[in-house]
C-alpha atoms as a PDB file:
ATOM      1  CA  UNK A   1      32.254  21.767  34.537  1.00  0.00           C
ATOM      2  CA  UNK A   2      34.229  20.858  31.951  1.00  0.00           C
ATOM      3  CA  UNK A   3      33.192  16.900  32.060  1.00  0.00           C
ATOM      4  CA  UNK A   4      29.736  18.274  32.450  1.00  0.00           C
ATOM      5  CA  UNK A   5      30.028  20.195  29.355  1.00  0.00           C
ATOM      6  CA  UNK A   6      31.441  17.083  27.339  1.00  0.00           C
ATOM      7  CA  UNK A   7      29.026  14.363  28.909  1.00  0.00           C
ATOM      8  CA  UNK A   8      25.839  17.096  27.479  1.00  0.00           C
ATOM      9  CA  UNK A   9      27.830  17.199  24.048  1.00  0.00           C
ATOM     10  CA  UNK A  10      27.610  13.636  24.345  1.00  0.00           C
ATOM     11  CA  UNK A  11      24.294  12.503  25.248  1.00  0.00           C
ATOM     12  CA  UNK A  12      23.573  15.146  22.164  1.00  0.00           C
ATOM     13  CA  UNK A  13      25.799  12.520  19.905  1.00  0.00           C
ATOM     14  CA  UNK A  14      24.495   9.573  21.164  1.00  0.00           C
ATOM     15  CA  UNK A  15      20.761  11.185  20.563  1.00  0.00           C
ATOM     16  CA  UNK A  16      21.842  11.870  17.359  1.00  0.00           C
ATOM     17  CA  UNK A  17      23.035   8.444  16.222  1.00  0.00           C
ATOM     18  CA  UNK A  18      19.562   7.311  18.496  1.00  0.00           C
ATOM     19  CA  UNK A  19      17.124   9.204  16.018  1.00  0.00           C
ATOM     20  CA  UNK A  20      19.211   8.380  12.887  1.00  0.00           C
ATOM     21  CA  UNK A  21      19.120   4.816  13.438  1.00  0.00           C
ATOM     22  CA  UNK A  22      14.882   4.313  14.537  1.00  0.00           C
ATOM     23  CA  UNK A  23      14.603   6.734  10.820  1.00  0.00           C
ATOM     24  CA  UNK A  24      16.861   4.054   8.847  1.00  0.00           C
ATOM     25  CA  UNK A  25      14.677   1.599  10.894  1.00  0.00           C
ATOM     26  CA  UNK A  26      12.005   3.278   9.438  1.00  0.00           C
ATOM     27  CA  UNK A  27      12.466   3.540   6.576  1.00  0.00           C
ATOM     28  CA  UNK A  28      13.827  -0.198   6.215  1.00  0.00           C
ATOM     29  CA  UNK A  29      10.217  -1.379   7.892  1.00  0.00           C
ATOM     30  CA  UNK A  30       8.866   0.550   4.861  1.00  0.00           C
ATOM     31  CA  UNK A  31      10.747  -0.886   2.013  1.00  0.00           C
ATOM     32  CA  UNK A  32      10.006  -3.618   3.614  1.00  0.00           C
ATOM     33  CA  UNK A  33       6.263  -3.805   3.221  1.00  0.00           C
ATOM     34  CA  UNK A  34       6.795  -1.923   0.044  1.00  0.00           C
ATOM     35  CA  UNK A  35       8.314  -5.153  -1.259  1.00  0.00           C
ATOM     36  CA  UNK A  36       5.913  -7.753   0.409  1.00  0.00           C
ATOM     37  CA  UNK A  37       3.010  -5.042  -0.690  1.00  0.00           C
ATOM     38  CA  UNK A  38       4.494  -5.873  -4.532  1.00  0.00           C
ATOM     39  CA  UNK A  39       4.918  -9.765  -3.887  1.00  0.00           C
ATOM     40  CA  UNK A  40       1.085 -10.261  -3.173  1.00  0.00           C
ATOM     41  CA  UNK A  41      -0.042  -7.617  -5.713  1.00  0.00           C
ATOM     42  CA  UNK A  42       2.176  -9.948  -8.486  1.00  0.00           C
ATOM     43  CA  UNK A  43       1.371 -13.052  -7.177  1.00  0.00           C
ATOM     44  CA  UNK A  44      -2.536 -13.342  -8.634  1.00  0.00           C
ATOM     45  CA  UNK A  45      -1.115 -10.948 -12.101  1.00  0.00           C
ATOM     46  CA  UNK A  46       1.019 -14.919 -11.850  1.00  0.00           C
ATOM     47  CA  UNK A  47      -1.604 -16.884 -11.515  1.00  0.00           C
ATOM     48  CA  UNK A  48      -4.274 -15.492 -14.527  1.00  0.00           C
ATOM     49  CA  UNK A  49      -1.528 -15.668 -16.632  1.00  0.00           C
ATOM     50  CA  UNK A  50       0.589 -19.125 -16.518  1.00  0.00           C
END
């Protein structure tokens, strides 16, 4: 019975870590996209004012 409880706890911890991992990945993706948008947004301005 204790083993079952331990495995349940482990599963919950793994799940939490996985969710945090996904969250961090999403945040990184968003930041990367913002960065790319900023770069592509700034490039035409540089061409206008060389």
